[in-house]
Amino acid sequence: MNPNLHQKHHANVHAMLHNHPPKLYEVTLRSGTMHLLAPDSESAAWMALELSHERNDELVNVRQADEW
C-alpha cells in the first residue's frame, strides 16, 4: 500500500468521524469474525485490509453489522 495514500486515508477517516457518527462493521477473516467502527464502507474495507495484513490473515468479507 502506498504510504502517502495510507496517510491521506487516515486523515480523511479522522475528519469524517468528527462530522458523522461511526457505523459498526463486521469483518470476517479466515481465522474468525470481529467488529470495527468506521465512518463509511470504504473506510471499513481499508481498515479491514490493514487488519488482515497486520495479522497475516486472509480477509473474507466486510459488511455493515446492522444491515439487513
N, C-alpha and C. Protein backbone atom coordinates (compact mmCIF):
# COMPACT_ATOMS: atom_id res chain seq x y z
N MET A 1 0.85 -1.17 0.00
CA MET A 1 0.00 0.00 0.00
C MET A 1 0.89 1.23 0.00
N ASN A 2 0.57 2.21 -0.80
CA ASN A 2 1.31 3.45 -0.88
C ASN A 2 1.23 4.20 0.45
N PRO A 3 2.38 4.51 1.10
CA PRO A 3 2.35 5.17 2.42
C PRO A 3 1.66 6.52 2.40
N ASN A 4 1.84 7.30 1.32
CA ASN A 4 1.18 8.61 1.25
C ASN A 4 -0.33 8.47 1.13
N LEU A 5 -0.77 7.51 0.33
CA LEU A 5 -2.21 7.25 0.19
C LEU A 5 -2.78 6.78 1.52
N HIS A 6 -2.03 5.94 2.21
CA HIS A 6 -2.44 5.42 3.51
C HIS A 6 -2.60 6.56 4.52
N GLN A 7 -1.66 7.49 4.57
CA GLN A 7 -1.74 8.63 5.48
C GLN A 7 -2.92 9.53 5.15
N LYS A 8 -3.14 9.79 3.86
CA LYS A 8 -4.27 10.62 3.45
C LYS A 8 -5.59 9.97 3.84
N HIS A 9 -5.67 8.64 3.67
CA HIS A 9 -6.90 7.92 4.03
C HIS A 9 -7.17 8.07 5.52
N HIS A 10 -6.15 7.89 6.36
CA HIS A 10 -6.34 8.01 7.81
C HIS A 10 -6.76 9.42 8.19
N ALA A 11 -6.20 10.43 7.54
CA ALA A 11 -6.59 11.82 7.81
C ALA A 11 -8.05 12.04 7.43
N ASN A 12 -8.47 11.47 6.30
CA ASN A 12 -9.87 11.61 5.87
C ASN A 12 -10.81 10.90 6.84
N VAL A 13 -10.42 9.73 7.32
CA VAL A 13 -11.25 8.99 8.28
C VAL A 13 -11.45 9.81 9.54
N HIS A 14 -10.38 10.39 10.07
CA HIS A 14 -10.50 11.19 11.28
C HIS A 14 -11.41 12.39 11.06
N ALA A 15 -11.29 13.05 9.92
CA ALA A 15 -12.16 14.19 9.61
C ALA A 15 -13.62 13.76 9.50
N MET A 16 -13.86 12.62 8.86
CA MET A 16 -15.23 12.14 8.69
C MET A 16 -15.85 11.73 10.02
N LEU A 17 -15.06 11.17 10.93
CA LEU A 17 -15.60 10.76 12.22
C LEU A 17 -16.07 11.95 13.03
N HIS A 18 -15.47 13.12 12.80
CA HIS A 18 -15.90 14.32 13.51
C HIS A 18 -17.24 14.82 12.98
N ASN A 19 -17.55 14.52 11.71
CA ASN A 19 -18.77 15.01 11.09
C ASN A 19 -19.92 14.01 11.11
N HIS A 20 -19.62 12.73 11.21
CA HIS A 20 -20.65 11.69 11.15
C HIS A 20 -20.37 10.64 12.23
N PRO A 21 -21.40 10.15 12.86
CA PRO A 21 -21.16 9.08 13.84
C PRO A 21 -20.69 7.82 13.12
N PRO A 22 -19.77 7.08 13.71
CA PRO A 22 -19.28 5.87 13.06
C PRO A 22 -20.34 4.77 13.04
N LYS A 23 -20.19 3.87 12.11
CA LYS A 23 -21.07 2.72 11.99
C LYS A 23 -20.28 1.47 12.37
N LEU A 24 -20.99 0.45 12.79
CA LEU A 24 -20.38 -0.81 13.17
C LEU A 24 -20.30 -1.72 11.95
N TYR A 25 -19.10 -2.26 11.70
CA TYR A 25 -18.89 -3.17 10.58
C TYR A 25 -18.39 -4.51 11.10
N GLU A 26 -18.83 -5.56 10.47
CA GLU A 26 -18.39 -6.91 10.80
C GLU A 26 -17.30 -7.32 9.79
N VAL A 27 -16.16 -7.69 10.30
CA VAL A 27 -15.02 -8.10 9.47
C VAL A 27 -14.83 -9.61 9.64
N THR A 28 -14.84 -10.32 8.54
CA THR A 28 -14.60 -11.76 8.59
C THR A 28 -13.24 -12.04 7.99
N LEU A 29 -12.38 -12.59 8.84
CA LEU A 29 -11.08 -13.08 8.41
C LEU A 29 -11.15 -14.60 8.39
N ARG A 30 -10.19 -15.24 7.76
CA ARG A 30 -10.21 -16.71 7.74
C ARG A 30 -10.21 -17.27 9.16
N SER A 31 -9.53 -16.56 10.09
CA SER A 31 -9.40 -17.06 11.46
C SER A 31 -10.61 -16.73 12.35
N GLY A 32 -11.51 -15.87 11.89
CA GLY A 32 -12.67 -15.54 12.72
C GLY A 32 -13.28 -14.20 12.36
N THR A 33 -14.25 -13.78 13.17
CA THR A 33 -15.00 -12.55 12.91
C THR A 33 -14.75 -11.56 14.03
N MET A 34 -14.66 -10.28 13.65
CA MET A 34 -14.52 -9.21 14.63
C MET A 34 -15.29 -7.99 14.13
N HIS A 35 -15.38 -6.98 14.96
CA HIS A 35 -16.11 -5.77 14.61
C HIS A 35 -15.21 -4.56 14.70
N LEU A 36 -15.51 -3.56 13.88
CA LEU A 36 -14.79 -2.30 13.94
C LEU A 36 -15.75 -1.16 13.65
N LEU A 37 -15.36 0.03 14.09
CA LEU A 37 -16.13 1.24 13.84
C LEU A 37 -15.47 2.02 12.72
N ALA A 38 -16.27 2.49 11.77
CA ALA A 38 -15.75 3.27 10.65
C ALA A 38 -16.85 4.23 10.18
N PRO A 39 -16.46 5.34 9.57
CA PRO A 39 -17.46 6.31 9.11
C PRO A 39 -18.24 5.87 7.89
N ASP A 40 -17.64 4.97 7.07
CA ASP A 40 -18.33 4.52 5.85
C ASP A 40 -17.75 3.17 5.42
N SER A 41 -18.37 2.57 4.42
CA SER A 41 -17.97 1.23 4.00
C SER A 41 -16.58 1.20 3.36
N GLU A 42 -16.20 2.25 2.65
CA GLU A 42 -14.86 2.27 2.05
C GLU A 42 -13.79 2.29 3.14
N SER A 43 -13.99 3.12 4.14
CA SER A 43 -13.04 3.18 5.25
C SER A 43 -12.98 1.84 5.99
N ALA A 44 -14.14 1.22 6.17
CA ALA A 44 -14.18 -0.09 6.84
C ALA A 44 -13.39 -1.12 6.04
N ALA A 45 -13.52 -1.08 4.73
CA ALA A 45 -12.81 -2.03 3.88
C ALA A 45 -11.29 -1.84 3.98
N TRP A 46 -10.84 -0.59 3.94
CA TRP A 46 -9.40 -0.32 4.07
C TRP A 46 -8.90 -0.74 5.45
N MET A 47 -9.66 -0.44 6.48
CA MET A 47 -9.25 -0.82 7.84
C MET A 47 -9.19 -2.34 7.99
N ALA A 48 -10.15 -3.03 7.40
CA ALA A 48 -10.18 -4.49 7.46
C ALA A 48 -8.99 -5.09 6.71
N LEU A 49 -8.65 -4.50 5.58
CA LEU A 49 -7.49 -4.97 4.82
C LEU A 49 -6.21 -4.78 5.62
N GLU A 50 -6.08 -3.62 6.25
CA GLU A 50 -4.91 -3.35 7.09
C GLU A 50 -4.85 -4.36 8.25
N LEU A 51 -5.98 -4.62 8.86
CA LEU A 51 -6.04 -5.59 9.95
C LEU A 51 -5.61 -6.98 9.49
N SER A 52 -6.08 -7.38 8.31
CA SER A 52 -5.70 -8.70 7.80
C SER A 52 -4.19 -8.79 7.54
N HIS A 53 -3.61 -7.70 7.06
CA HIS A 53 -2.16 -7.69 6.83
C HIS A 53 -1.40 -7.75 8.14
N GLU A 54 -1.86 -6.98 9.14
CA GLU A 54 -1.20 -6.98 10.45
C GLU A 54 -1.24 -8.36 11.09
N ARG A 55 -2.32 -9.09 10.87
CA ARG A 55 -2.49 -10.41 11.47
C ARG A 55 -2.02 -11.54 10.56
N ASN A 56 -1.55 -11.17 9.38
CA ASN A 56 -1.14 -12.16 8.39
C ASN A 56 -2.27 -13.18 8.17
N ASP A 57 -3.46 -12.66 7.91
CA ASP A 57 -4.66 -13.47 7.78
C ASP A 57 -5.38 -13.07 6.49
N GLU A 58 -6.23 -13.93 6.00
CA GLU A 58 -6.96 -13.66 4.77
C GLU A 58 -8.27 -12.94 5.08
N LEU A 59 -8.50 -11.82 4.40
CA LEU A 59 -9.76 -11.09 4.53
C LEU A 59 -10.82 -11.77 3.68
N VAL A 60 -11.94 -12.13 4.30
CA VAL A 60 -13.01 -12.85 3.60
C VAL A 60 -14.16 -11.91 3.25
N ASN A 61 -14.57 -11.05 4.21
CA ASN A 61 -15.74 -10.20 3.97
C ASN A 61 -15.75 -9.04 4.94
N VAL A 62 -16.39 -7.94 4.51
CA VAL A 62 -16.66 -6.78 5.36
C VAL A 62 -18.08 -6.36 5.05
N ARG A 63 -18.89 -6.19 6.11
CA ARG A 63 -20.26 -5.73 5.89
C ARG A 63 -20.70 -4.90 7.08
N GLN A 64 -21.65 -4.00 6.82
CA GLN A 64 -22.20 -3.21 7.91
C GLN A 64 -22.96 -4.14 8.84
N ALA A 65 -22.66 -4.09 10.13
CA ALA A 65 -23.21 -5.06 11.07
C ALA A 65 -24.72 -4.97 11.23
N ASP A 66 -25.29 -3.78 11.12
CA ASP A 66 -26.73 -3.64 11.32
C ASP A 66 -27.51 -3.60 10.01
N GLU A 67 -26.89 -3.97 8.89
CA GLU A 67 -27.59 -4.04 7.62
C GLU A 67 -28.42 -5.31 7.54
N TRP A 68 -29.56 -5.22 6.92
CA TRP A 68 -30.42 -6.39 6.75
C TRP A 68 -30.49 -6.78 5.33
